[in-house]
Amino acid sequence: MADPIAEFFAGVVRRRYDRLKQVTGTIRFDLVRDHHTTHWLMTIEKGDVRVSRENRRADCTVRLDEALFARIVRGETDVYAAWLRNEVELVGRLYMLVIFQRVLPGPPGARDPRAVARRGELRR
């Protein structure tokens, strides 16, 4: 079985995000499983995204269960809803979590409304 978290971060690095051109900052994810923590550090610099496994200071640190994070990066769970349920601990700049939301996939089966409109699939 493939690791959805590693696949997600690999995909994030491959893409160029025009919506992040004005953004510079770091966000570290501390993912907990069986009393063990793994770290993923996402560095954004004017649209360029780099990811490493460093455990260093970041503008925003997000701590959560690894399985929950896997559901978030698959689009099955909303990161804000998890935060409101106190399943996500956040330290630092909340703004960076807002930025992270921009690179997350939509729910499974979701389609881009612009593509739907271009194909004329909208019902009236």
N, C-alpha and C. Protein backbone atom coordinates (compact mmCIF):
# COMPACT_ATOMS: atom_id res chain seq x y z
N MET A 1 0.85 -1.18 0.00
CA MET A 1 0.00 0.00 0.00
C MET A 1 0.89 1.24 0.00
N ALA A 2 0.58 2.17 -0.88
CA ALA A 2 1.37 3.39 -0.99
C ALA A 2 1.12 4.31 0.20
N ASP A 3 2.10 5.12 0.51
CA ASP A 3 1.99 6.07 1.61
C ASP A 3 1.35 7.36 1.09
N PRO A 4 0.09 7.64 1.46
CA PRO A 4 -0.58 8.83 0.93
C PRO A 4 0.08 10.14 1.35
N ILE A 5 0.73 10.14 2.50
CA ILE A 5 1.38 11.36 2.98
C ILE A 5 2.61 11.68 2.14
N ALA A 6 3.47 10.68 1.93
CA ALA A 6 4.66 10.89 1.10
C ALA A 6 4.25 11.25 -0.33
N GLU A 7 3.22 10.59 -0.86
CA GLU A 7 2.74 10.90 -2.21
C GLU A 7 2.22 12.34 -2.29
N PHE A 8 1.50 12.76 -1.27
CA PHE A 8 0.96 14.12 -1.25
C PHE A 8 2.10 15.14 -1.29
N PHE A 9 3.08 14.98 -0.41
CA PHE A 9 4.17 15.96 -0.37
C PHE A 9 5.02 15.92 -1.64
N ALA A 10 5.20 14.74 -2.24
CA ALA A 10 5.92 14.66 -3.51
C ALA A 10 5.17 15.42 -4.60
N GLY A 11 3.85 15.29 -4.60
CA GLY A 11 3.03 16.02 -5.58
C GLY A 11 3.06 17.51 -5.37
N VAL A 12 3.09 17.94 -4.11
CA VAL A 12 3.14 19.37 -3.79
C VAL A 12 4.42 19.98 -4.34
N VAL A 13 5.52 19.26 -4.24
CA VAL A 13 6.81 19.77 -4.71
C VAL A 13 6.83 19.87 -6.23
N ARG A 14 6.18 18.94 -6.92
CA ARG A 14 6.18 18.92 -8.39
C ARG A 14 5.37 20.06 -9.00
N ARG A 15 4.33 20.51 -8.31
CA ARG A 15 3.45 21.53 -8.86
C ARG A 15 3.97 22.94 -8.59
N ARG A 16 3.51 23.86 -9.42
CA ARG A 16 3.76 25.30 -9.21
C ARG A 16 2.42 25.91 -8.83
N TYR A 17 2.38 26.63 -7.74
CA TYR A 17 1.14 27.18 -7.23
C TYR A 17 1.10 28.68 -7.45
N ASP A 18 0.36 29.10 -8.46
CA ASP A 18 0.21 30.54 -8.72
C ASP A 18 -0.45 31.24 -7.54
N ARG A 19 -1.33 30.54 -6.84
CA ARG A 19 -2.03 31.14 -5.70
C ARG A 19 -1.09 31.41 -4.52
N LEU A 20 0.13 30.90 -4.60
CA LEU A 20 1.08 31.09 -3.50
C LEU A 20 2.21 32.05 -3.87
N LYS A 21 2.10 32.75 -4.99
CA LYS A 21 3.18 33.63 -5.43
C LYS A 21 3.54 34.72 -4.43
N GLN A 22 2.59 35.13 -3.63
CA GLN A 22 2.83 36.20 -2.66
C GLN A 22 3.19 35.66 -1.27
N VAL A 23 3.37 34.35 -1.16
CA VAL A 23 3.54 33.73 0.15
C VAL A 23 4.98 33.30 0.39
N THR A 24 5.47 33.59 1.58
CA THR A 24 6.75 33.09 2.05
C THR A 24 6.57 32.68 3.50
N GLY A 25 6.94 31.44 3.82
CA GLY A 25 6.82 30.98 5.20
C GLY A 25 7.04 29.49 5.31
N THR A 26 7.00 28.99 6.54
CA THR A 26 7.22 27.57 6.79
C THR A 26 6.11 27.03 7.67
N ILE A 27 5.79 25.76 7.43
CA ILE A 27 4.82 25.06 8.25
C ILE A 27 5.35 23.65 8.50
N ARG A 28 5.39 23.28 9.77
CA ARG A 28 5.90 21.95 10.13
C ARG A 28 4.73 21.11 10.62
N PHE A 29 4.66 19.90 10.12
CA PHE A 29 3.64 18.95 10.54
C PHE A 29 4.29 17.90 11.42
N ASP A 30 3.81 17.78 12.64
CA ASP A 30 4.26 16.74 13.57
C ASP A 30 3.17 15.68 13.59
N LEU A 31 3.46 14.56 12.96
CA LEU A 31 2.47 13.49 12.81
C LEU A 31 2.75 12.39 13.82
N VAL A 32 1.77 12.10 14.65
CA VAL A 32 1.95 11.18 15.77
C VAL A 32 1.29 9.84 15.45
N ARG A 33 2.06 8.77 15.68
CA ARG A 33 1.53 7.41 15.57
C ARG A 33 2.26 6.54 16.58
N ASP A 34 1.49 5.89 17.43
CA ASP A 34 2.06 4.98 18.44
C ASP A 34 3.18 5.64 19.25
N HIS A 35 2.94 6.81 19.77
CA HIS A 35 3.89 7.55 20.60
C HIS A 35 5.19 7.90 19.88
N HIS A 36 5.15 7.88 18.56
CA HIS A 36 6.30 8.27 17.74
C HIS A 36 5.87 9.43 16.85
N THR A 37 6.73 10.42 16.70
CA THR A 37 6.40 11.59 15.90
C THR A 37 7.31 11.68 14.68
N THR A 38 6.70 11.85 13.51
CA THR A 38 7.46 12.12 12.29
C THR A 38 7.20 13.57 11.90
N HIS A 39 8.18 14.17 11.27
CA HIS A 39 8.11 15.59 10.95
C HIS A 39 8.18 15.80 9.43
N TRP A 40 7.37 16.72 8.97
CA TRP A 40 7.40 17.16 7.58
C TRP A 40 7.44 18.69 7.61
N LEU A 41 8.44 19.27 7.00
CA LEU A 41 8.58 20.72 6.96
C LEU A 41 8.33 21.21 5.54
N MET A 42 7.33 22.06 5.39
CA MET A 42 6.99 22.61 4.08
C MET A 42 7.43 24.08 4.07
N THR A 43 8.30 24.41 3.13
CA THR A 43 8.80 25.77 2.99
C THR A 43 8.23 26.35 1.70
N ILE A 44 7.58 27.49 1.82
CA ILE A 44 6.99 28.16 0.66
C ILE A 44 7.73 29.48 0.47
N GLU A 45 8.22 29.67 -0.76
CA GLU A 45 8.89 30.93 -1.07
C GLU A 45 8.41 31.42 -2.43
N LYS A 46 7.47 32.34 -2.39
CA LYS A 46 6.91 32.97 -3.59
C LYS A 46 6.44 31.95 -4.62
N GLY A 47 5.68 30.97 -4.17
CA GLY A 47 5.10 29.97 -5.06
C GLY A 47 5.90 28.70 -5.18
N ASP A 48 7.18 28.75 -4.84
CA ASP A 48 7.99 27.53 -4.87
C ASP A 48 7.84 26.82 -3.53
N VAL A 49 7.59 25.53 -3.60
CA VAL A 49 7.38 24.74 -2.38
C VAL A 49 8.46 23.68 -2.28
N ARG A 50 9.08 23.63 -1.12
CA ARG A 50 10.07 22.59 -0.82
C ARG A 50 9.58 21.83 0.42
N VAL A 51 9.89 20.56 0.46
CA VAL A 51 9.48 19.73 1.59
C VAL A 51 10.70 18.95 2.07
N SER A 52 10.85 18.89 3.39
CA SER A 52 11.92 18.08 3.98
C SER A 52 11.37 17.39 5.22
N ARG A 53 12.16 16.54 5.80
CA ARG A 53 11.76 15.81 7.01
C ARG A 53 12.41 16.42 8.24
N GLU A 54 12.78 17.70 8.17
CA GLU A 54 13.47 18.37 9.26
C GLU A 54 12.56 18.66 10.44
N ASN A 55 13.15 18.58 11.62
CA ASN A 55 12.46 18.98 12.85
C ASN A 55 13.09 20.29 13.31
N ARG A 56 12.68 21.37 12.67
CA ARG A 56 13.22 22.67 13.04
C ARG A 56 12.08 23.67 13.20
N ARG A 57 12.41 24.79 13.77
CA ARG A 57 11.42 25.84 14.04
C ARG A 57 10.73 26.27 12.73
N ALA A 58 9.42 26.52 12.83
CA ALA A 58 8.64 26.94 11.67
C ALA A 58 7.70 28.07 12.07
N ASP A 59 7.18 28.78 11.09
CA ASP A 59 6.22 29.84 11.36
C ASP A 59 4.95 29.27 11.99
N CYS A 60 4.62 28.06 11.61
CA CYS A 60 3.42 27.39 12.13
C CYS A 60 3.73 25.91 12.32
N THR A 61 3.37 25.37 13.46
CA THR A 61 3.54 23.94 13.72
C THR A 61 2.16 23.34 13.94
N VAL A 62 1.90 22.26 13.21
CA VAL A 62 0.62 21.57 13.27
C VAL A 62 0.88 20.16 13.77
N ARG A 63 0.25 19.79 14.88
CA ARG A 63 0.45 18.46 15.47
C ARG A 63 -0.88 17.71 15.41
N LEU A 64 -0.83 16.51 14.84
CA LEU A 64 -2.04 15.71 14.73
C LEU A 64 -1.69 14.25 14.49
N ASP A 65 -2.70 13.42 14.58
CA ASP A 65 -2.55 11.99 14.36
C ASP A 65 -2.21 11.73 12.89
N GLU A 66 -1.29 10.81 12.65
CA GLU A 66 -0.85 10.52 11.29
C GLU A 66 -2.00 10.02 10.41
N ALA A 67 -2.86 9.17 10.96
CA ALA A 67 -3.99 8.64 10.18
C ALA A 67 -4.96 9.76 9.80
N LEU A 68 -5.18 10.71 10.70
CA LEU A 68 -6.03 11.85 10.39
C LEU A 68 -5.42 12.69 9.27
N PHE A 69 -4.11 12.91 9.32
CA PHE A 69 -3.45 13.69 8.28
C PHE A 69 -3.56 12.98 6.93
N ALA A 70 -3.46 11.65 6.94
CA ALA A 70 -3.62 10.90 5.69
C ALA A 70 -5.01 11.12 5.11
N ARG A 71 -6.04 11.14 5.95
CA ARG A 71 -7.40 11.41 5.46
C ARG A 71 -7.51 12.84 4.93
N ILE A 72 -6.84 13.77 5.57
CA ILE A 72 -6.87 15.17 5.11
C ILE A 72 -6.24 15.29 3.73
N VAL A 73 -5.07 14.69 3.52
CA VAL A 73 -4.38 14.84 2.23
C VAL A 73 -5.05 14.03 1.13
N ARG A 74 -5.90 13.08 1.48
CA ARG A 74 -6.70 12.36 0.47
C ARG A 74 -8.00 13.10 0.16
N GLY A 75 -8.29 14.17 0.90
CA GLY A 75 -9.51 14.93 0.68
C GLY A 75 -10.72 14.37 1.39
N GLU A 76 -10.52 13.43 2.29
CA GLU A 76 -11.63 12.77 2.98
C GLU A 76 -12.09 13.53 4.22
N THR A 77 -11.23 14.35 4.78
CA THR A 77 -11.54 15.11 6.00
C THR A 77 -11.05 16.54 5.82
N ASP A 78 -11.79 17.47 6.35
CA ASP A 78 -11.42 18.88 6.26
C ASP A 78 -10.52 19.25 7.44
N VAL A 79 -9.42 19.92 7.15
CA VAL A 79 -8.46 20.28 8.19
C VAL A 79 -9.07 21.24 9.21
N TYR A 80 -9.93 22.16 8.75
CA TYR A 80 -10.56 23.10 9.69
C TYR A 80 -11.54 22.40 10.61
N ALA A 81 -12.31 21.47 10.06
CA ALA A 81 -13.26 20.72 10.89
C ALA A 81 -12.51 19.93 11.95
N ALA A 82 -11.38 19.33 11.58
CA ALA A 82 -10.58 18.58 12.55
C ALA A 82 -10.03 19.52 13.62
N TRP A 83 -9.62 20.70 13.21
CA TRP A 83 -9.12 21.70 14.17
C TRP A 83 -10.22 22.10 15.15
N LEU A 84 -11.42 22.33 14.64
CA LEU A 84 -12.54 22.70 15.51
C LEU A 84 -12.93 21.58 16.47
N ARG A 85 -12.68 20.33 16.07
CA ARG A 85 -12.94 19.18 16.95
C ARG A 85 -11.78 18.93 17.91
N ASN A 86 -10.81 19.81 17.93
CA ASN A 86 -9.61 19.67 18.78
C ASN A 86 -8.79 18.43 18.45
N GLU A 87 -8.81 18.02 17.21
CA GLU A 87 -7.99 16.90 16.77
C GLU A 87 -6.66 17.39 16.18
N VAL A 88 -6.54 18.70 16.06
CA VAL A 88 -5.34 19.32 15.50
C VAL A 88 -4.87 20.39 16.47
N GLU A 89 -3.58 20.33 16.85
CA GLU A 89 -2.97 21.37 17.69
C GLU A 89 -2.19 22.29 16.77
N LEU A 90 -2.33 23.58 17.00
CA LEU A 90 -1.69 24.56 16.15
C LEU A 90 -0.92 25.55 17.01
N VAL A 91 0.36 25.77 16.66
CA VAL A 91 1.19 26.75 17.35
C VAL A 91 1.80 27.65 16.29
N GLY A 92 1.67 28.95 16.48
CA GLY A 92 2.27 29.89 15.54
C GLY A 92 1.23 30.60 14.71
N ARG A 93 1.60 30.88 13.48
CA ARG A 93 0.77 31.68 12.58
C ARG A 93 -0.34 30.85 11.95
N LEU A 94 -1.57 31.09 12.37
CA LEU A 94 -2.73 30.40 11.81
C LEU A 94 -2.81 30.61 10.30
N TYR A 95 -2.35 31.75 9.86
CA TYR A 95 -2.37 32.07 8.43
C TYR A 95 -1.72 30.97 7.60
N MET A 96 -0.69 30.34 8.10
CA MET A 96 -0.01 29.30 7.33
C MET A 96 -0.89 28.07 7.14
N LEU A 97 -1.79 27.80 8.08
CA LEU A 97 -2.74 26.70 7.89
C LEU A 97 -3.73 27.06 6.78
N VAL A 98 -4.11 28.32 6.73
CA VAL A 98 -4.98 28.80 5.65
C VAL A 98 -4.28 28.60 4.30
N ILE A 99 -3.00 28.92 4.25
CA ILE A 99 -2.21 28.74 3.02
C ILE A 99 -2.15 27.26 2.66
N PHE A 100 -1.93 26.40 3.66
CA PHE A 100 -1.84 24.97 3.40
C PHE A 100 -3.13 24.45 2.79
N GLN A 101 -4.26 24.98 3.21
CA GLN A 101 -5.56 24.55 2.68
C GLN A 101 -5.60 24.71 1.16
N ARG A 102 -4.86 25.67 0.63
CA ARG A 102 -4.87 25.93 -0.82
C ARG A 102 -4.25 24.81 -1.63
N VAL A 103 -3.40 24.00 -1.03
CA VAL A 103 -2.75 22.93 -1.78
C VAL A 103 -3.41 21.57 -1.54
N LEU A 104 -4.42 21.53 -0.68
CA LEU A 104 -5.10 20.27 -0.39
C LEU A 104 -6.06 19.91 -1.52
N PRO A 105 -6.23 18.61 -1.76
CA PRO A 105 -7.21 18.20 -2.77
C PRO A 105 -8.63 18.38 -2.24
N GLY A 106 -9.56 18.44 -3.16
CA GLY A 106 -10.97 18.50 -2.78
C GLY A 106 -11.44 17.11 -2.36
N PRO A 107 -12.71 17.01 -1.97
CA PRO A 107 -13.25 15.71 -1.58
C PRO A 107 -13.20 14.72 -2.75
N PRO A 108 -13.12 13.42 -2.46
CA PRO A 108 -13.13 12.43 -3.54
C PRO A 108 -14.38 12.62 -4.41
N GLY A 109 -14.19 12.58 -5.71
CA GLY A 109 -15.31 12.74 -6.63
C GLY A 109 -15.65 14.19 -6.96
N ALA A 110 -15.01 15.14 -6.30
CA ALA A 110 -15.29 16.55 -6.57
C ALA A 110 -14.72 16.93 -7.93
N ARG A 111 -15.41 17.86 -8.60
CA ARG A 111 -14.94 18.32 -9.90
C ARG A 111 -14.79 19.84 -9.86
N ASP A 112 -13.88 20.33 -10.66
CA ASP A 112 -13.67 21.77 -10.76
C ASP A 112 -14.89 22.39 -11.42
N PRO A 113 -15.57 23.32 -10.76
CA PRO A 113 -16.79 23.89 -11.34
C PRO A 113 -16.54 24.62 -12.66
N ARG A 114 -15.34 25.14 -12.86
CA ARG A 114 -15.04 25.81 -14.13
C ARG A 114 -15.04 24.81 -15.28
N ALA A 115 -14.49 23.62 -15.04
CA ALA A 115 -14.48 22.59 -16.08
C ALA A 115 -15.89 22.10 -16.37
N VAL A 116 -16.69 21.95 -15.34
CA VAL A 116 -18.08 21.52 -15.51
C VAL A 116 -18.84 22.56 -16.34
N ALA A 117 -18.65 23.83 -16.03
CA ALA A 117 -19.34 24.90 -16.76
C ALA A 117 -18.91 24.94 -18.23
N ARG A 118 -17.62 24.72 -18.49
CA ARG A 118 -17.13 24.74 -19.88
C ARG A 118 -17.75 23.61 -20.70
N ARG A 119 -17.99 22.48 -20.07
CA ARG A 119 -18.58 21.34 -20.78
C ARG A 119 -20.10 21.45 -20.85
N GLY A 120 -20.67 22.44 -20.21
CA GLY A 120 -22.12 22.62 -20.26
C GLY A 120 -22.88 21.61 -19.43
N GLU A 121 -22.26 21.09 -18.37
CA GLU A 121 -22.90 20.07 -17.55
C GLU A 121 -23.77 20.66 -16.44
N LEU A 122 -23.81 21.97 -16.33
CA LEU A 122 -24.61 22.58 -15.27
C LEU A 122 -26.09 22.47 -15.61
N ARG A 123 -26.87 22.14 -14.62
CA ARG A 123 -28.32 22.05 -14.81
C ARG A 123 -28.96 23.32 -14.32
N ARG A 124 -30.01 23.70 -14.93
CA ARG A 124 -30.77 24.88 -14.49
C ARG A 124 -32.09 24.47 -13.96
